Protein backbone atom coordinates (compact mmCIF):
# COMPACT_ATOMS: atom_id res chain seq x y z
CA MET A 1 -5.65 -29.97 -21.24
CA SER A 2 -4.92 -26.06 -21.58
CA SER A 3 -1.78 -24.76 -20.34
CA THR A 4 -1.77 -21.04 -18.30
CA THR A 5 1.94 -19.19 -18.23
CA PRO A 6 1.97 -17.39 -15.08
CA LEU A 7 2.23 -14.10 -15.16
CA ARG A 8 5.48 -11.91 -14.74
CA VAL A 9 5.50 -8.50 -13.20
CA GLU A 10 8.49 -7.30 -12.96
CA ILE A 11 8.85 -4.17 -10.40
CA ALA A 12 12.21 -1.58 -10.47
CA LEU A 13 12.58 -0.97 -6.26
CA ASP A 14 14.35 2.28 -5.49
CA LEU A 15 15.39 2.77 -2.17
CA GLU A 16 17.08 6.28 -1.13
CA THR A 17 18.56 6.60 2.91
CA SER A 18 19.74 9.24 4.98
CA GLY A 19 22.79 8.85 4.75
CA LEU A 20 26.14 6.38 3.29
CA ASP A 21 26.99 4.19 5.94
CA VAL A 22 25.86 0.76 5.07
CA TYR A 23 25.94 0.12 8.92
CA GLY A 24 25.11 2.73 10.58
CA GLU A 25 21.96 4.06 11.80
CA ASP A 26 20.75 5.65 7.92
CA GLU A 27 17.21 5.42 7.78
CA ILE A 28 14.92 4.80 4.36
CA ILE A 29 13.91 8.57 3.41
CA GLU A 30 12.28 7.69 0.25
CA ILE A 31 10.30 4.28 -1.12
CA GLY A 32 10.11 4.30 -4.88
CA ALA A 33 8.72 1.43 -7.49
CA HIS A 34 8.15 1.38 -11.01
CA GLU A 35 6.50 -1.61 -12.94
CA ALA A 36 5.44 -1.10 -16.98
CA SER A 37 2.56 0.74 -16.30
CA SER A 38 2.30 2.69 -13.12
CA SER A 39 4.39 3.79 -10.65
CA PHE A 40 5.11 4.83 -6.40
CA GLU A 41 6.37 6.99 -4.42
CA VAL A 42 6.44 7.86 -0.83
CA LEU A 43 8.72 10.25 1.25
CA VAL A 44 9.78 8.50 4.92
CA LYS A 45 10.22 11.13 7.71
CA PRO A 46 13.52 9.79 9.43
CA SER A 47 13.95 10.53 13.21
CA LYS A 48 16.99 13.09 12.24
CA PRO A 49 17.99 15.41 9.73
CA ILE A 50 19.52 14.57 6.38
CA CYS A 51 22.96 15.73 6.07
CA ALA A 52 23.92 18.28 3.29
CA THR A 53 25.87 15.01 0.93
CA VAL A 54 22.49 13.02 1.31
CA ALA A 55 20.52 16.20 -0.23
CA GLN A 56 22.88 17.03 -2.75
CA LEU A 57 22.88 13.11 -4.20
CA THR A 58 19.29 12.74 -3.81
CA GLY A 59 17.37 15.99 -4.04
CA ILE A 60 15.88 15.71 -1.46
CA THR A 61 15.75 17.93 1.45
CA ASN A 62 15.03 18.01 4.87
CA GLU A 63 12.10 20.74 4.13
CA MET A 64 10.21 18.22 1.75
CA LEU A 65 10.57 15.33 4.25
CA ASP A 66 9.28 17.63 7.11
CA GLU A 67 6.26 18.52 4.87
CA LYS A 68 5.57 15.21 3.08
CA GLY A 69 7.44 12.36 5.19
CA ILE A 70 5.24 9.55 6.31
CA ALA A 71 6.37 6.74 8.96
CA LEU A 72 7.90 3.84 7.18
CA GLU A 73 5.49 2.00 8.22
CA GLU A 74 2.65 3.64 6.68
CA ALA A 75 5.25 3.80 3.47
CA LEU A 76 5.58 0.13 3.41
CA ALA A 77 2.24 -0.47 3.74
CA GLN A 78 1.12 1.96 0.77
CA LEU A 79 3.81 0.19 -1.01
CA ILE A 80 2.22 -3.02 -0.47
CA GLN A 81 -1.54 -1.91 -1.23
CA TRP A 82 0.67 -0.33 -4.83
C-alpha cells in the first residue's frame, strides 16, 4: 500500500486598509498574496478617499485607487481564482 503526502502550500496574505482604526469604517484598499512561484495583487476601490497618512504608509494614492481599483467582491473572486 502506498502512502501519499498531502500537498502543502503556504501563501502569505497582505491587506492594506483605508485607515488605522480596526473597529471603524475603514475598508480594504489592496489585497496581495504570494506563494513560492507566483503572486497576486489587486487594488480595491474604497467608498471614500484614503487619508494622507495611509497614502504615505502604503504608497497607494487616491489617484491609483480611482484608476485601477475594483470592487471588493470582484477582487475577492480574482483572489479565489488565483
